[in-house]
N, C-alpha and C. Protein backbone atom coordinates (compact mmCIF):
# COMPACT_ATOMS: atom_id res chain seq x y z
N MET A 1 -115.82 50.80 75.73
CA MET A 1 -116.90 50.14 76.46
C MET A 1 -116.39 49.98 77.92
N VAL A 2 -117.30 50.10 78.82
CA VAL A 2 -117.04 50.01 80.25
C VAL A 2 -117.87 48.88 80.83
N TYR A 3 -117.19 47.97 81.62
CA TYR A 3 -117.82 46.87 82.23
C TYR A 3 -117.65 46.93 83.73
N GLU A 4 -118.51 46.26 84.49
CA GLU A 4 -118.31 46.11 85.94
C GLU A 4 -118.50 44.66 86.27
N ARG A 5 -117.84 44.21 87.31
CA ARG A 5 -118.04 42.87 87.79
C ARG A 5 -119.34 42.82 88.60
N VAL A 6 -120.10 41.81 88.38
CA VAL A 6 -121.39 41.61 89.10
C VAL A 6 -121.47 40.11 89.39
N GLY A 7 -122.56 39.70 90.05
CA GLY A 7 -122.69 38.29 90.33
C GLY A 7 -122.04 37.98 91.64
N THR A 8 -121.72 36.78 91.80
CA THR A 8 -121.11 36.24 93.09
C THR A 8 -119.92 35.40 92.67
N PRO A 9 -119.12 34.96 93.74
CA PRO A 9 -117.99 34.10 93.40
C PRO A 9 -118.47 32.74 92.76
N ARG A 10 -119.67 32.37 93.04
CA ARG A 10 -120.24 31.15 92.47
C ARG A 10 -120.88 31.38 91.13
N SER A 11 -121.03 32.61 90.75
CA SER A 11 -121.67 32.99 89.44
C SER A 11 -120.99 34.29 88.97
N PRO A 12 -119.71 34.24 88.59
CA PRO A 12 -118.98 35.47 88.13
C PRO A 12 -119.52 35.97 86.84
N GLN A 13 -119.82 37.28 86.80
CA GLN A 13 -120.39 37.92 85.62
C GLN A 13 -119.84 39.25 85.40
N LEU A 14 -119.92 39.72 84.16
CA LEU A 14 -119.63 41.10 83.77
C LEU A 14 -120.82 41.77 83.19
N ARG A 15 -121.07 43.01 83.57
CA ARG A 15 -122.24 43.73 83.00
C ARG A 15 -121.65 45.01 82.34
N ARG A 16 -122.13 45.23 81.11
CA ARG A 16 -121.66 46.35 80.39
C ARG A 16 -122.47 47.60 80.90
N ILE A 17 -121.66 48.67 81.16
CA ILE A 17 -122.22 49.93 81.67
C ILE A 17 -122.35 50.91 80.54
N ARG A 18 -121.33 51.06 79.72
CA ARG A 18 -121.28 51.99 78.62
C ARG A 18 -120.85 51.28 77.37
N PRO A 19 -121.60 51.40 76.28
CA PRO A 19 -122.92 52.01 76.12
C PRO A 19 -123.96 51.14 76.92
N ALA A 20 -124.94 51.81 77.43
CA ALA A 20 -125.96 51.14 78.28
C ALA A 20 -126.94 50.35 77.43
N LEU A 21 -127.12 50.70 76.25
CA LEU A 21 -128.06 49.98 75.37
C LEU A 21 -127.37 49.34 74.21
N PRO A 22 -127.67 48.16 73.84
CA PRO A 22 -128.52 47.22 74.49
C PRO A 22 -127.86 46.65 75.77
N PRO A 23 -128.66 46.37 76.82
CA PRO A 23 -128.07 45.80 77.99
C PRO A 23 -127.37 44.49 77.69
N GLN A 24 -126.21 44.27 78.31
CA GLN A 24 -125.48 43.01 78.02
C GLN A 24 -124.77 42.53 79.28
N ARG A 25 -124.83 41.25 79.46
CA ARG A 25 -124.22 40.60 80.60
C ARG A 25 -123.46 39.35 80.11
N PHE A 26 -122.30 39.12 80.67
CA PHE A 26 -121.46 37.98 80.27
C PHE A 26 -121.18 37.11 81.52
N ILE A 27 -121.21 35.79 81.35
CA ILE A 27 -120.95 34.85 82.43
C ILE A 27 -119.70 34.09 82.09
N LEU A 28 -118.82 33.87 83.08
CA LEU A 28 -117.60 33.18 82.85
C LEU A 28 -117.85 31.76 82.37
N GLU A 29 -117.16 31.33 81.41
CA GLU A 29 -117.34 29.99 80.83
C GLU A 29 -117.23 28.92 81.96
N GLY A 30 -118.07 28.00 81.94
CA GLY A 30 -118.14 26.92 82.89
C GLY A 30 -119.15 27.22 84.04
N TYR A 31 -119.63 28.49 84.11
CA TYR A 31 -120.64 28.87 85.16
C TYR A 31 -122.05 29.13 84.51
N GLU A 32 -122.20 28.72 83.29
CA GLU A 32 -123.45 29.05 82.57
C GLU A 32 -124.72 28.51 83.31
N ASP A 33 -124.58 27.42 83.98
CA ASP A 33 -125.72 26.82 84.68
C ASP A 33 -126.12 27.55 85.91
N THR A 34 -125.39 28.60 86.33
CA THR A 34 -125.72 29.35 87.56
C THR A 34 -126.57 30.49 87.20
N VAL A 35 -126.91 30.77 85.93
CA VAL A 35 -127.75 31.87 85.53
C VAL A 35 -129.00 31.38 84.83
N PRO A 36 -130.19 31.80 85.23
CA PRO A 36 -131.39 31.35 84.50
C PRO A 36 -131.38 32.01 83.14
N MET A 37 -131.25 31.19 82.08
CA MET A 37 -131.12 31.70 80.72
C MET A 37 -132.43 31.84 80.00
N ASP A 38 -133.50 31.41 80.61
CA ASP A 38 -134.80 31.36 79.91
C ASP A 38 -135.48 32.75 80.07
N GLY A 39 -135.05 33.71 79.29
CA GLY A 39 -135.65 35.05 79.33
C GLY A 39 -135.37 35.86 80.51
N TYR A 40 -134.15 36.00 80.93
CA TYR A 40 -133.75 36.78 82.07
C TYR A 40 -134.20 38.23 81.93
N ASN A 41 -134.99 38.70 82.82
CA ASN A 41 -135.45 40.05 82.77
C ASN A 41 -135.63 40.58 84.19
N PRO A 42 -134.75 41.41 84.73
CA PRO A 42 -134.84 41.84 86.11
C PRO A 42 -136.17 42.50 86.43
N ALA A 43 -136.75 43.28 85.57
CA ALA A 43 -138.05 43.96 85.81
C ALA A 43 -139.13 42.88 85.96
N GLN A 44 -139.10 41.92 85.14
CA GLN A 44 -140.11 40.86 85.21
C GLN A 44 -139.96 40.06 86.48
N ASN A 45 -138.74 39.82 86.94
CA ASN A 45 -138.44 39.15 88.16
C ASN A 45 -139.04 39.91 89.41
N ARG A 46 -138.88 41.24 89.35
CA ARG A 46 -139.42 42.06 90.46
C ARG A 46 -140.91 42.03 90.49
N ARG A 47 -141.52 42.08 89.27
CA ARG A 47 -143.00 41.99 89.18
C ARG A 47 -143.52 40.65 89.73
N SER A 48 -142.81 39.59 89.39
CA SER A 48 -143.19 38.29 89.86
C SER A 48 -143.07 38.20 91.40
N ALA A 49 -142.01 38.72 91.91
CA ALA A 49 -141.83 38.72 93.35
C ALA A 49 -142.87 39.53 94.08
N LEU A 50 -143.23 40.63 93.56
CA LEU A 50 -144.29 41.46 94.21
C LEU A 50 -145.66 40.82 94.14
N ARG A 51 -145.94 40.20 92.94
CA ARG A 51 -147.22 39.50 92.79
C ARG A 51 -147.31 38.39 93.75
N GLU A 52 -146.23 37.64 93.94
CA GLU A 52 -146.24 36.46 94.83
C GLU A 52 -146.42 37.01 96.25
N HIS A 53 -145.73 38.09 96.63
CA HIS A 53 -145.76 38.64 98.00
C HIS A 53 -147.20 39.08 98.37
N PHE A 54 -147.85 39.78 97.43
CA PHE A 54 -149.21 40.30 97.72
C PHE A 54 -150.32 39.32 97.56
N SER A 55 -150.04 38.26 96.84
CA SER A 55 -151.11 37.22 96.65
C SER A 55 -151.09 36.20 97.80
N THR A 56 -150.08 36.15 98.59
CA THR A 56 -149.98 35.26 99.73
C THR A 56 -150.75 35.82 100.89
N LYS A 57 -151.61 35.04 101.46
CA LYS A 57 -152.46 35.49 102.58
C LYS A 57 -152.00 34.93 103.88
């Protein structure tokens, strides 16, 4: 398995690269509150951001 460091110093995380499926991300113990755990989905977050951007007049 191959992992890469992601996140920030305030939210240290590891993301699994290989195998790619299923996607997996780990957060350092004690920093759990820095990540939204309620259904984290990057694609959904992008769609929400686009919807908000284009609905603003």
